[in-house]
Amino acid sequence: MKHSTRPPGGEVDVYPVGVLDDLLFAYRAIRLGRFREGYRKLRSSARYAIGHARAGNWRSVRNSFNGYLAEPRDWPDGLKGCGSGWTKRRALRSLRRHYERQVNQ
C-alpha cells in the first residue's frame, strides 16, 4: 500500500505488517466467503506470537505488533530504521521523528 507524501526526502511507502496484515487478510478472505483461509491465517499468526513468547524471543513478538511501517523510497544517508505505528499517520510521524533525530544532528 503506497501513501504518497513529502516527508524526509520524497515519497514514502506505508504498508501493514505482522498481526495487522494478517487481520486485514483474514477480514478480506472471510468477506469473500473463504472462511478456511481467513481462520488459518489468524491461527498461524497466533501460533507464531505464542511460540516466540514461550521461547522468550520478545523482540519478535513486539515486531509482529508494529502495525504499519513507513519507509522512504529513496533512503537518505544517516537514516536508520523505519517509522512504525498502528495508523498510517502515526507511522509517518514516527518516520519523520527518526529522520529529524538522526539526520539533522
PDB file of N, CA and C in Angstrom:
ATOM      1  N   MET A   1       0.841  -1.154   0.000  1.00  0.00           N
ATOM      2  CA  MET A   1       0.000   0.000   0.000  1.00  0.00           C
ATOM      3  C   MET A   1       0.894   1.226   0.000  1.00  0.00           C
ATOM      4  N   LYS A   2       0.710   2.092  -0.957  1.00  0.00           N
ATOM      5  CA  LYS A   2       1.577   3.251  -1.078  1.00  0.00           C
ATOM      6  C   LYS A   2       0.821   4.499  -0.659  1.00  0.00           C
ATOM      7  N   HIS A   3       1.492   5.295   0.110  1.00  0.00           N
ATOM      8  CA  HIS A   3       0.925   6.548   0.572  1.00  0.00           C
ATOM      9  C   HIS A   3       1.889   7.637   0.157  1.00  0.00           C
ATOM     10  N   SER A   4       1.471   8.462  -0.772  1.00  0.00           N
ATOM     11  CA  SER A   4       2.378   9.474  -1.292  1.00  0.00           C
ATOM     12  C   SER A   4       2.361  10.699  -0.392  1.00  0.00           C
ATOM     13  N   THR A   5       3.506  11.070   0.082  1.00  0.00           N
ATOM     14  CA  THR A   5       3.635  12.236   0.937  1.00  0.00           C
ATOM     15  C   THR A   5       5.033  12.801   0.757  1.00  0.00           C
ATOM     16  N   ARG A   6       5.348  13.875   1.417  1.00  0.00           N
ATOM     17  CA  ARG A   6       6.642  14.509   1.220  1.00  0.00           C
ATOM     18  C   ARG A   6       7.455  14.671   2.490  1.00  0.00           C
ATOM     19  N   PRO A   7       7.511  13.682   3.400  1.00  0.00           N
ATOM     20  CA  PRO A   7       8.446  13.860   4.493  1.00  0.00           C
ATOM     21  C   PRO A   7       9.867  13.682   4.018  1.00  0.00           C
ATOM     22  N   PRO A   8      10.754  13.170   4.804  1.00  0.00           N
ATOM     23  CA  PRO A   8      12.192  13.285   4.660  1.00  0.00           C
ATOM     24  C   PRO A   8      12.741  13.626   3.292  1.00  0.00           C
ATOM     25  N   GLY A   9      12.512  12.884   2.275  1.00  0.00           N
ATOM     26  CA  GLY A   9      13.147  13.239   1.026  1.00  0.00           C
ATOM     27  C   GLY A   9      12.450  12.624  -0.157  1.00  0.00           C
ATOM     28  N   GLY A  10      11.179  12.717  -0.249  1.00  0.00           N
ATOM     29  CA  GLY A  10      10.456  12.171  -1.384  1.00  0.00           C
ATOM     30  C   GLY A  10       9.289  11.323  -0.930  1.00  0.00           C
ATOM     31  N   GLU A  11       8.904  10.402  -1.797  1.00  0.00           N
ATOM     32  CA  GLU A  11       7.747   9.568  -1.493  1.00  0.00           C
ATOM     33  C   GLU A  11       8.081   8.514  -0.452  1.00  0.00           C
ATOM     34  N   VAL A  12       7.047   8.110   0.271  1.00  0.00           N
ATOM     35  CA  VAL A  12       7.196   7.146   1.357  1.00  0.00           C
ATOM     36  C   VAL A  12       6.194   6.023   1.138  1.00  0.00           C
ATOM     37  N   ASP A  13       6.641   4.788   1.288  1.00  0.00           N
ATOM     38  CA  ASP A  13       5.754   3.624   1.243  1.00  0.00           C
ATOM     39  C   ASP A  13       5.278   3.321   2.650  1.00  0.00           C
ATOM     40  N   VAL A  14       3.970   3.187   2.799  1.00  0.00           N
ATOM     41  CA  VAL A  14       3.370   2.824   4.085  1.00  0.00           C
ATOM     42  C   VAL A  14       2.554   1.560   3.851  1.00  0.00           C
ATOM     43  N   TYR A  15       2.849   0.508   4.630  1.00  0.00           N
ATOM     44  CA  TYR A  15       2.187  -0.770   4.409  1.00  0.00           C
ATOM     45  C   TYR A  15       2.015  -1.509   5.732  1.00  0.00           C
ATOM     46  N   PRO A  16       0.959  -2.346   5.843  1.00  0.00           N
ATOM     47  CA  PRO A  16       0.731  -3.104   7.079  1.00  0.00           C
ATOM     48  C   PRO A  16       1.682  -4.290   7.182  1.00  0.00           C
ATOM     49  N   VAL A  17       2.063  -4.622   8.412  1.00  0.00           N
ATOM     50  CA  VAL A  17       2.943  -5.762   8.665  1.00  0.00           C
ATOM     51  C   VAL A  17       2.448  -6.528   9.878  1.00  0.00           C
ATOM     52  N   GLY A  18       2.918  -7.757  10.020  1.00  0.00           N
ATOM     53  CA  GLY A  18       2.659  -8.547  11.215  1.00  0.00           C
ATOM     54  C   GLY A  18       1.195  -8.883  11.425  1.00  0.00           C
ATOM     55  N   VAL A  19       0.759  -8.717  12.642  1.00  0.00           N
ATOM     56  CA  VAL A  19      -0.601  -9.083  13.037  1.00  0.00           C
ATOM     57  C   VAL A  19      -1.636  -8.246  12.287  1.00  0.00           C
ATOM     58  N   LEU A  20      -1.360  -6.968  12.093  1.00  0.00           N
ATOM     59  CA  LEU A  20      -2.315  -6.122  11.373  1.00  0.00           C
ATOM     60  C   LEU A  20      -2.499  -6.614   9.945  1.00  0.00           C
ATOM     61  N   ASP A  21      -1.438  -6.985   9.280  1.00  0.00           N
ATOM     62  CA  ASP A  21      -1.532  -7.514   7.923  1.00  0.00           C
ATOM     63  C   ASP A  21      -2.335  -8.808   7.912  1.00  0.00           C
ATOM     64  N   ASP A  22      -2.101  -9.663   8.896  1.00  0.00           N
ATOM     65  CA  ASP A  22      -2.842 -10.920   8.985  1.00  0.00           C
ATOM     66  C   ASP A  22      -4.325 -10.673   9.247  1.00  0.00           C
ATOM     67  N   LEU A  23      -4.633  -9.707  10.098  1.00  0.00           N
ATOM     68  CA  LEU A  23      -6.028  -9.374  10.367  1.00  0.00           C
ATOM     69  C   LEU A  23      -6.731  -8.844   9.120  1.00  0.00           C
ATOM     70  N   LEU A  24      -6.065  -7.977   8.384  1.00  0.00           N
ATOM     71  CA  LEU A  24      -6.652  -7.444   7.149  1.00  0.00           C
ATOM     72  C   LEU A  24      -6.868  -8.550   6.122  1.00  0.00           C
ATOM     73  N   PHE A  25      -5.896  -9.458   6.004  1.00  0.00           N
ATOM     74  CA  PHE A  25      -6.036 -10.579   5.077  1.00  0.00           C
ATOM     75  C   PHE A  25      -7.221 -11.458   5.471  1.00  0.00           C
ATOM     76  N   ALA A  26      -7.305 -11.785   6.761  1.00  0.00           N
ATOM     77  CA  ALA A  26      -8.388 -12.652   7.241  1.00  0.00           C
ATOM     78  C   ALA A  26      -9.747 -11.982   7.035  1.00  0.00           C
ATOM     79  N   TYR A  27      -9.828 -10.691   7.305  1.00  0.00           N
ATOM     80  CA  TYR A  27     -11.083  -9.958   7.120  1.00  0.00           C
ATOM     81  C   TYR A  27     -11.535 -10.019   5.660  1.00  0.00           C
ATOM     82  N   ARG A  28     -10.598  -9.772   4.755  1.00  0.00           N
ATOM     83  CA  ARG A  28     -10.944  -9.810   3.328  1.00  0.00           C
ATOM     84  C   ARG A  28     -11.329 -11.214   2.882  1.00  0.00           C
ATOM     85  N   ALA A  29     -10.600 -12.209   3.359  1.00  0.00           N
ATOM     86  CA  ALA A  29     -10.897 -13.594   2.973  1.00  0.00           C
ATOM     87  C   ALA A  29     -12.277 -14.017   3.482  1.00  0.00           C
ATOM     88  N   ILE A  30     -12.599 -13.683   4.717  1.00  0.00           N
ATOM     89  CA  ILE A  30     -13.893 -14.056   5.280  1.00  0.00           C
ATOM     90  C   ILE A  30     -15.024 -13.331   4.550  1.00  0.00           C
ATOM     91  N   ARG A  31     -14.813 -12.067   4.206  1.00  0.00           N
ATOM     92  CA  ARG A  31     -15.833 -11.332   3.455  1.00  0.00           C
ATOM     93  C   ARG A  31     -16.088 -11.943   2.085  1.00  0.00           C
ATOM     94  N   LEU A  32     -15.063 -12.560   1.492  1.00  0.00           N
ATOM     95  CA  LEU A  32     -15.219 -13.194   0.182  1.00  0.00           C
ATOM     96  C   LEU A  32     -15.739 -14.628   0.291  1.00  0.00           C
ATOM     97  N   GLY A  33     -15.988 -15.085   1.517  1.00  0.00           N
ATOM     98  CA  GLY A  33     -16.514 -16.423   1.712  1.00  0.00           C
ATOM     99  C   GLY A  33     -15.447 -17.485   1.854  1.00  0.00           C
ATOM    100  N   ARG A  34     -14.213 -17.099   1.985  1.00  0.00           N
ATOM    101  CA  ARG A  34     -13.116 -18.055   2.144  1.00  0.00           C
ATOM    102  C   ARG A  34     -12.766 -18.164   3.626  1.00  0.00           C
ATOM    103  N   PHE A  35     -13.687 -18.742   4.377  1.00  0.00           N
ATOM    104  CA  PHE A  35     -13.559 -18.822   5.829  1.00  0.00           C
ATOM    105  C   PHE A  35     -12.327 -19.603   6.265  1.00  0.00           C
ATOM    106  N   ARG A  36     -12.081 -20.707   5.595  1.00  0.00           N
ATOM    107  CA  ARG A  36     -10.963 -21.559   5.978  1.00  0.00           C
ATOM    108  C   ARG A  36      -9.628 -20.809   5.863  1.00  0.00           C
ATOM    109  N   GLU A  37      -9.438 -20.071   4.766  1.00  0.00           N
ATOM    110  CA  GLU A  37      -8.195 -19.306   4.582  1.00  0.00           C
ATOM    111  C   GLU A  37      -8.053 -18.216   5.643  1.00  0.00           C
ATOM    112  N   GLY A  38      -9.152 -17.534   5.935  1.00  0.00           N
ATOM    113  CA  GLY A  38      -9.112 -16.466   6.933  1.00  0.00           C
ATOM    114  C   GLY A  38      -8.763 -16.970   8.320  1.00  0.00           C
ATOM    115  N   TYR A  39      -9.433 -18.022   8.743  1.00  0.00           N
ATOM    116  CA  TYR A  39      -9.159 -18.566  10.073  1.00  0.00           C
ATOM    117  C   TYR A  39      -7.771 -19.202  10.148  1.00  0.00           C
ATOM    118  N   ARG A  40      -7.322 -19.799   9.040  1.00  0.00           N
ATOM    119  CA  ARG A  40      -5.981 -20.381   9.007  1.00  0.00           C
ATOM    120  C   ARG A  40      -4.921 -19.290   9.203  1.00  0.00           C
ATOM    121  N   LYS A  41      -5.130 -18.146   8.573  1.00  0.00           N
ATOM    122  CA  LYS A  41      -4.174 -17.051   8.712  1.00  0.00           C
ATOM    123  C   LYS A  41      -4.148 -16.527  10.151  1.00  0.00           C
ATOM    124  N   LEU A  42      -5.310 -16.385  10.774  1.00  0.00           N
ATOM    125  CA  LEU A  42      -5.368 -15.929  12.167  1.00  0.00           C
ATOM    126  C   LEU A  42      -4.712 -16.932  13.107  1.00  0.00           C
ATOM    127  N   ARG A  43      -4.975 -18.205  12.880  1.00  0.00           N
ATOM    128  CA  ARG A  43      -4.389 -19.246  13.717  1.00  0.00           C
ATOM    129  C   ARG A  43      -2.869 -19.278  13.570  1.00  0.00           C
ATOM    130  N   SER A  44      -2.400 -19.118  12.357  1.00  0.00           N
ATOM    131  CA  SER A  44      -0.956 -19.102  12.103  1.00  0.00           C
ATOM    132  C   SER A  44      -0.291 -17.916  12.794  1.00  0.00           C
ATOM    133  N   SER A  45      -0.916 -16.765  12.736  1.00  0.00           N
ATOM    134  CA  SER A  45      -0.376 -15.568  13.378  1.00  0.00           C
ATOM    135  C   SER A  45      -0.318 -15.738  14.901  1.00  0.00           C
ATOM    136  N   ALA A  46      -1.369 -16.313  15.466  1.00  0.00           N
ATOM    137  CA  ALA A  46      -1.396 -16.535  16.913  1.00  0.00           C
ATOM    138  C   ALA A  46      -0.334 -17.545  17.328  1.00  0.00           C
ATOM    139  N   ARG A  47      -0.184 -18.611  16.555  1.00  0.00           N
ATOM    140  CA  ARG A  47       0.841 -19.612  16.877  1.00  0.00           C
ATOM    141  C   ARG A  47       2.241 -19.017  16.820  1.00  0.00           C
ATOM    142  N   TYR A  48       2.483 -18.160  15.846  1.00  0.00           N
ATOM    143  CA  TYR A  48       3.787 -17.520  15.712  1.00  0.00           C
ATOM    144  C   TYR A  48       4.094 -16.686  16.958  1.00  0.00           C
ATOM    145  N   ALA A  49       3.153 -15.833  17.344  1.00  0.00           N
ATOM    146  CA  ALA A  49       3.376 -14.960  18.505  1.00  0.00           C
ATOM    147  C   ALA A  49       3.521 -15.770  19.791  1.00  0.00           C
ATOM    148  N   ILE A  50       2.681 -16.769  19.990  1.00  0.00           N
ATOM    149  CA  ILE A  50       2.739 -17.579  21.205  1.00  0.00           C
ATOM    150  C   ILE A  50       4.026 -18.391  21.256  1.00  0.00           C
ATOM    151  N   GLY A  51       4.434 -18.946  20.126  1.00  0.00           N
ATOM    152  CA  GLY A  51       5.668 -19.732  20.088  1.00  0.00           C
ATOM    153  C   GLY A  51       6.896 -18.895  20.428  1.00  0.00           C
ATOM    154  N   HIS A  52       6.968 -17.686  19.889  1.00  0.00           N
ATOM    155  CA  HIS A  52       8.104 -16.823  20.191  1.00  0.00           C
ATOM    156  C   HIS A  52       8.052 -16.298  21.630  1.00  0.00           C
ATOM    157  N   ALA A  53       6.855 -16.087  22.145  1.00  0.00           N
ATOM    158  CA  ALA A  53       6.737 -15.647  23.542  1.00  0.00           C
ATOM    159  C   ALA A  53       7.195 -16.751  24.490  1.00  0.00           C
ATOM    160  N   ARG A  54       6.819 -17.975  24.205  1.00  0.00           N
ATOM    161  CA  ARG A  54       7.253 -19.094  25.054  1.00  0.00           C
ATOM    162  C   ARG A  54       8.764 -19.278  25.012  1.00  0.00           C
ATOM    163  N   ALA A  55       9.357 -18.998  23.840  1.00  0.00           N
ATOM    164  CA  ALA A  55      10.809 -19.139  23.696  1.00  0.00           C
ATOM    165  C   ALA A  55      11.560 -17.955  24.293  1.00  0.00           C
ATOM    166  N   GLY A  56      10.827 -16.919  24.666  1.00  0.00           N
ATOM    167  CA  GLY A  56      11.467 -15.744  25.251  1.00  0.00           C
ATOM    168  C   GLY A  56      12.002 -14.766  24.224  1.00  0.00           C
ATOM    169  N   ASN A  57      11.587 -14.910  22.994  1.00  0.00           N
ATOM    170  CA  ASN A  57      12.030 -14.020  21.921  1.00  0.00           C
ATOM    171  C   ASN A  57      11.059 -12.838  21.844  1.00  0.00           C
ATOM    172  N   TRP A  58      11.181 -11.917  22.777  1.00  0.00           N
ATOM    173  CA  TRP A  58      10.223 -10.829  22.918  1.00  0.00           C
ATOM    174  C   TRP A  58      10.344  -9.791  21.812  1.00  0.00           C
ATOM    175  N   ARG A  59      11.528  -9.648  21.244  1.00  0.00           N
ATOM    176  CA  ARG A  59      11.693  -8.697  20.141  1.00  0.00           C
ATOM    177  C   ARG A  59      10.842  -9.115  18.947  1.00  0.00           C
ATOM    178  N   SER A  60      10.808 -10.408  18.668  1.00  0.00           N
ATOM    179  CA  SER A  60       9.998 -10.913  17.569  1.00  0.00           C
ATOM    180  C   SER A  60       8.514 -10.695  17.838  1.00  0.00           C
ATOM    181  N   VAL A  61       8.101 -10.911  19.064  1.00  0.00           N
ATOM    182  CA  VAL A  61       6.697 -10.693  19.426  1.00  0.00           C
ATOM    183  C   VAL A  61       6.345  -9.213  19.274  1.00  0.00           C
ATOM    184  N   ARG A  62       7.224  -8.336  19.760  1.00  0.00           N
ATOM    185  CA  ARG A  62       6.978  -6.903  19.657  1.00  0.00           C
ATOM    186  C   ARG A  62       6.908  -6.454  18.199  1.00  0.00           C
ATOM    187  N   ASN A  63       7.809  -6.964  17.377  1.00  0.00           N
ATOM    188  CA  ASN A  63       7.823  -6.575  15.970  1.00  0.00           C
ATOM    189  C   ASN A  63       6.602  -7.073  15.214  1.00  0.00           C
ATOM    190  N   SER A  64       5.988  -8.147  15.666  1.00  0.00           N
ATOM    191  CA  SER A  64       4.794  -8.610  14.971  1.00  0.00           C
ATOM    192  C   SER A  64       3.586  -7.715  15.274  1.00  0.00           C
ATOM    193  N   PHE A  65       3.711  -6.827  16.256  1.00  0.00           N
ATOM    194  CA  PHE A  65       2.643  -5.874  16.558  1.00  0.00           C
ATOM    195  C   PHE A  65       3.009  -4.454  16.125  1.00  0.00           C
ATOM    196  N   ASN A  66       3.831  -4.302  15.090  1.00  0.00           N
ATOM    197  CA  ASN A  66       4.218  -2.985  14.598  1.00  0.00           C
ATOM    198  C   ASN A  66       3.053  -2.231  13.971  1.00  0.00           C
ATOM    199  N   GLY A  67       2.142  -2.907  13.334  1.00  0.00           N
ATOM    200  CA  GLY A  67       1.024  -2.231  12.675  1.00  0.00           C
ATOM    201  C   GLY A  67       1.388  -1.861  11.252  1.00  0.00           C
ATOM    202  N   TYR A  68       1.716  -0.585  11.043  1.00  0.00           N
ATOM    203  CA  TYR A  68       2.142  -0.105   9.725  1.00  0.00           C
ATOM    204  C   TYR A  68       3.614   0.270   9.784  1.00  0.00           C
ATOM    205  N   LEU A  69       4.322   0.066   8.683  1.00  0.00           N
ATOM    206  CA  LEU A  69       5.689   0.539   8.548  1.00  0.00           C
ATOM    207  C   LEU A  69       5.717   1.604   7.466  1.00  0.00           C
ATOM    208  N   ALA A  70       6.512   2.632   7.688  1.00  0.00           N
ATOM    209  CA  ALA A  70       6.706   3.694   6.705  1.00  0.00           C
ATOM    210  C   ALA A  70       8.195   3.776   6.395  1.00  0.00           C
ATOM    211  N   GLU A  71       8.526   3.641   5.125  1.00  0.00           N
ATOM    212  CA  GLU A  71       9.929   3.756   4.741  1.00  0.00           C
ATOM    213  C   GLU A  71      10.030   4.554   3.448  1.00  0.00           C
ATOM    214  N   PRO A  72      11.027   5.422   3.370  1.00  0.00           N
ATOM    215  CA  PRO A  72      11.180   6.249   2.169  1.00  0.00           C
ATOM    216  C   PRO A  72      11.653   5.418   0.981  1.00  0.00           C
ATOM    217  N   ARG A  73      11.247   5.811  -0.206  1.00  0.00           N
ATOM    218  CA  ARG A  73      11.699   5.106  -1.403  1.00  0.00           C
ATOM    219  C   ARG A  73      13.173   5.367  -1.662  1.00  0.00           C
ATOM    220  N   ASP A  74      13.569   6.615  -1.567  1.00  0.00           N
ATOM    221  CA  ASP A  74      14.982   6.975  -1.706  1.00  0.00           C
ATOM    222  C   ASP A  74      15.528   7.165  -0.304  1.00  0.00           C
ATOM    223  N   TRP A  75      16.282   6.179   0.166  1.00  0.00           N
ATOM    224  CA  TRP A  75      16.742   6.160   1.552  1.00  0.00           C
ATOM    225  C   TRP A  75      17.810   7.235   1.777  1.00  0.00           C
ATOM    226  N   PRO A  76      17.547   8.237   2.655  1.00  0.00           N
ATOM    227  CA  PRO A  76      18.558   9.264   2.912  1.00  0.00           C
ATOM    228  C   PRO A  76      19.717   8.718   3.734  1.00  0.00           C
ATOM    229  N   ASP A  77      20.905   9.295   3.515  1.00  0.00           N
ATOM    230  CA  ASP A  77      22.077   8.883   4.277  1.00  0.00           C
ATOM    231  C   ASP A  77      21.883   9.217   5.746  1.00  0.00           C
ATOM    232  N   GLY A  78      22.235   8.294   6.614  1.00  0.00           N
ATOM    233  CA  GLY A  78      22.161   8.525   8.046  1.00  0.00           C
ATOM    234  C   GLY A  78      20.871   8.059   8.692  1.00  0.00           C
ATOM    235  N   LEU A  79      19.864   7.736   7.912  1.00  0.00           N
ATOM    236  CA  LEU A  79      18.597   7.279   8.487  1.00  0.00           C
ATOM    237  C   LEU A  79      18.690   5.798   8.795  1.00  0.00           C
ATOM    238  N   LYS A  80      18.377   5.445  10.039  1.00  0.00           N
ATOM    239  CA  LYS A  80      18.403   4.044  10.468  1.00  0.00           C
ATOM    240  C   LYS A  80      17.028   3.677  10.982  1.00  0.00           C
ATOM    241  N   GLY A  81      16.377   2.782  10.313  1.00  0.00           N
ATOM    242  CA  GLY A  81      15.080   2.298  10.766  1.00  0.00           C
ATOM    243  C   GLY A  81      13.916   2.949  10.061  1.00  0.00           C
ATOM    244  N   CYS A  82      12.791   2.287  10.150  1.00  0.00           N
ATOM    245  CA  CYS A  82      11.549   2.751   9.543  1.00  0.00           C
ATOM    246  C   CYS A  82      10.659   3.351  10.612  1.00  0.00           C
ATOM    247  N   GLY A  83       9.661   4.082  10.192  1.00  0.00           N
ATOM    248  CA  GLY A  83       8.643   4.547  11.115  1.00  0.00           C
ATOM    249  C   GLY A  83       7.597   3.461  11.286  1.00  0.00           C
ATOM    250  N   SER A  84       7.043   3.337  12.479  1.00  0.00           N
ATOM    251  CA  SER A  84       6.006   2.338  12.700  1.00  0.00           C
ATOM    252  C   SER A  84       4.920   2.915  13.581  1.00  0.00           C
ATOM    253  N   GLY A  85       3.715   2.361  13.439  1.00  0.00           N
ATOM    254  CA  GLY A  85       2.590   2.795  14.249  1.00  0.00           C
ATOM    255  C   GLY A  85       1.339   2.029  13.847  1.00  0.00           C
ATOM    256  N   TRP A  86       0.298   2.140  14.654  1.00  0.00           N
ATOM    257  CA  TRP A  86      -0.933   1.409  14.373  1.00  0.00           C
ATOM    258  C   TRP A  86      -1.811   2.099  13.351  1.00  0.00           C
ATOM    259  N   THR A  87      -1.459   3.332  12.955  1.00  0.00           N
ATOM    260  CA  THR A  87      -2.147   4.010  11.864  1.00  0.00           C
ATOM    261  C   THR A  87      -1.105   4.482  10.862  1.00  0.00           C
ATOM    262  N   LYS A  88      -1.546   4.768   9.643  1.00  0.00           N
ATOM    263  CA  LYS A  88      -0.610   5.256   8.631  1.00  0.00           C
ATOM    264  C   LYS A  88      -0.035   6.604   9.054  1.00  0.00           C
ATOM    265  N   ARG A  89      -0.878   7.427   9.599  1.00  0.00           N
ATOM    266  CA  ARG A  89      -0.441   8.754  10.030  1.00  0.00           C
ATOM    267  C   ARG A  89       0.617   8.664  11.130  1.00  0.00           C
ATOM    268  N   ARG A  90       0.416   7.756  12.078  1.00  0.00           N
ATOM    269  CA  ARG A  90       1.373   7.583  13.161  1.00  0.00           C
ATOM    270  C   ARG A  90       2.701   7.038  12.644  1.00  0.00           C
ATOM    271  N   ALA A  91       2.653   6.141  11.669  1.00  0.00           N
ATOM    272  CA  ALA A  91       3.881   5.611  11.085  1.00  0.00           C
ATOM    273  C   ALA A  91       4.662   6.716  10.377  1.00  0.00           C
ATOM    274  N   LEU A  92       3.959   7.604   9.693  1.00  0.00           N
ATOM    275  CA  LEU A  92       4.632   8.723   9.031  1.00  0.00           C
ATOM    276  C   LEU A  92       5.255   9.678  10.035  1.00  0.00           C
ATOM    277  N   ARG A  93       4.544   9.948  11.132  1.00  0.00           N
ATOM    278  CA  ARG A  93       5.118  10.813  12.177  1.00  0.00           C
ATOM    279  C   ARG A  93       6.344  10.168  12.798  1.00  0.00           C
ATOM    280  N   SER A  94       6.293   8.862  13.001  1.00  0.00           N
ATOM    281  CA  SER A  94       7.428   8.150  13.576  1.00  0.00           C
ATOM    282  C   SER A  94       8.640   8.220  12.638  1.00  0.00           C
ATOM    283  N   LEU A  95       8.404   8.069  11.339  1.00  0.00           N
ATOM    284  CA  LEU A  95       9.491   8.174  10.375  1.00  0.00           C
ATOM    285  C   LEU A  95      10.093   9.577  10.388  1.00  0.00           C
ATOM    286  N   ARG A  96       9.247  10.589  10.429  1.00  0.00           N
ATOM    287  CA  ARG A  96       9.739  11.966  10.473  1.00  0.00           C
ATOM    288  C   ARG A  96      10.566  12.200  11.736  1.00  0.00           C
ATOM    289  N   ARG A  97      10.129  11.652  12.865  1.00  0.00           N
ATOM    290  CA  ARG A  97      10.867  11.798  14.118  1.00  0.00           C
ATOM    291  C   ARG A  97      12.235  11.126  14.026  1.00  0.00           C
ATOM    292  N   HIS A  98      12.279   9.905  13.460  1.00  0.00           N
ATOM    293  CA  HIS A  98      13.563   9.224  13.255  1.00  0.00           C
ATOM    294  C   HIS A  98      14.476  10.074  12.374  1.00  0.00           C
ATOM    295  N   TYR A  99      13.915  10.602  11.315  1.00  0.00           N
ATOM    296  CA  TYR A  99      14.687  11.399  10.371  1.00  0.00           C
ATOM    297  C   TYR A  99      15.269  12.641  11.042  1.00  0.00           C
ATOM    298  N   GLU A 100      14.439  13.352  11.801  1.00  0.00           N
ATOM    299  CA  GLU A 100      14.904  14.581  12.441  1.00  0.00           C
ATOM    300  C   GLU A 100      15.956  14.305  13.503  1.00  0.00           C
ATOM    301  N   ARG A 101      15.828  13.210  14.223  1.00  0.00           N
ATOM    302  CA  ARG A 101      16.803  12.877  15.275  1.00  0.00           C
ATOM    303  C   ARG A 101      18.141  12.448  14.700  1.00  0.00           C
ATOM    304  N   GLN A 102      18.126  11.634  13.639  1.00  0.00           N
ATOM    305  CA  GLN A 102      19.359  11.016  13.173  1.00  0.00           C
ATOM    306  C   GLN A 102      20.054  11.797  12.071  1.00  0.00           C
ATOM    307  N   VAL A 103      19.310  12.381  11.157  1.00  0.00           N
ATOM    308  CA  VAL A 103      19.936  13.045  10.027  1.00  0.00           C
ATOM    309  C   VAL A 103      20.264  14.486  10.341  1.00  0.00           C
ATOM    310  N   ASN A 104      19.447  15.152  11.099  1.00  0.00           N
ATOM    311  CA  ASN A 104      19.639  16.573  11.380  1.00  0.00           C
ATOM    312  C   ASN A 104      20.400  16.805  12.679  1.00  0.00           C
ATOM    313  N   GLN A 105      21.351  15.964  12.996  1.00  0.00           N
ATOM    314  CA  GLN A 105      22.111  16.137  14.246  1.00  0.00           C
ATOM    315  C   GLN A 105      23.253  17.091  14.040  1.00  0.00           C
TER     316      GLN A 105
END
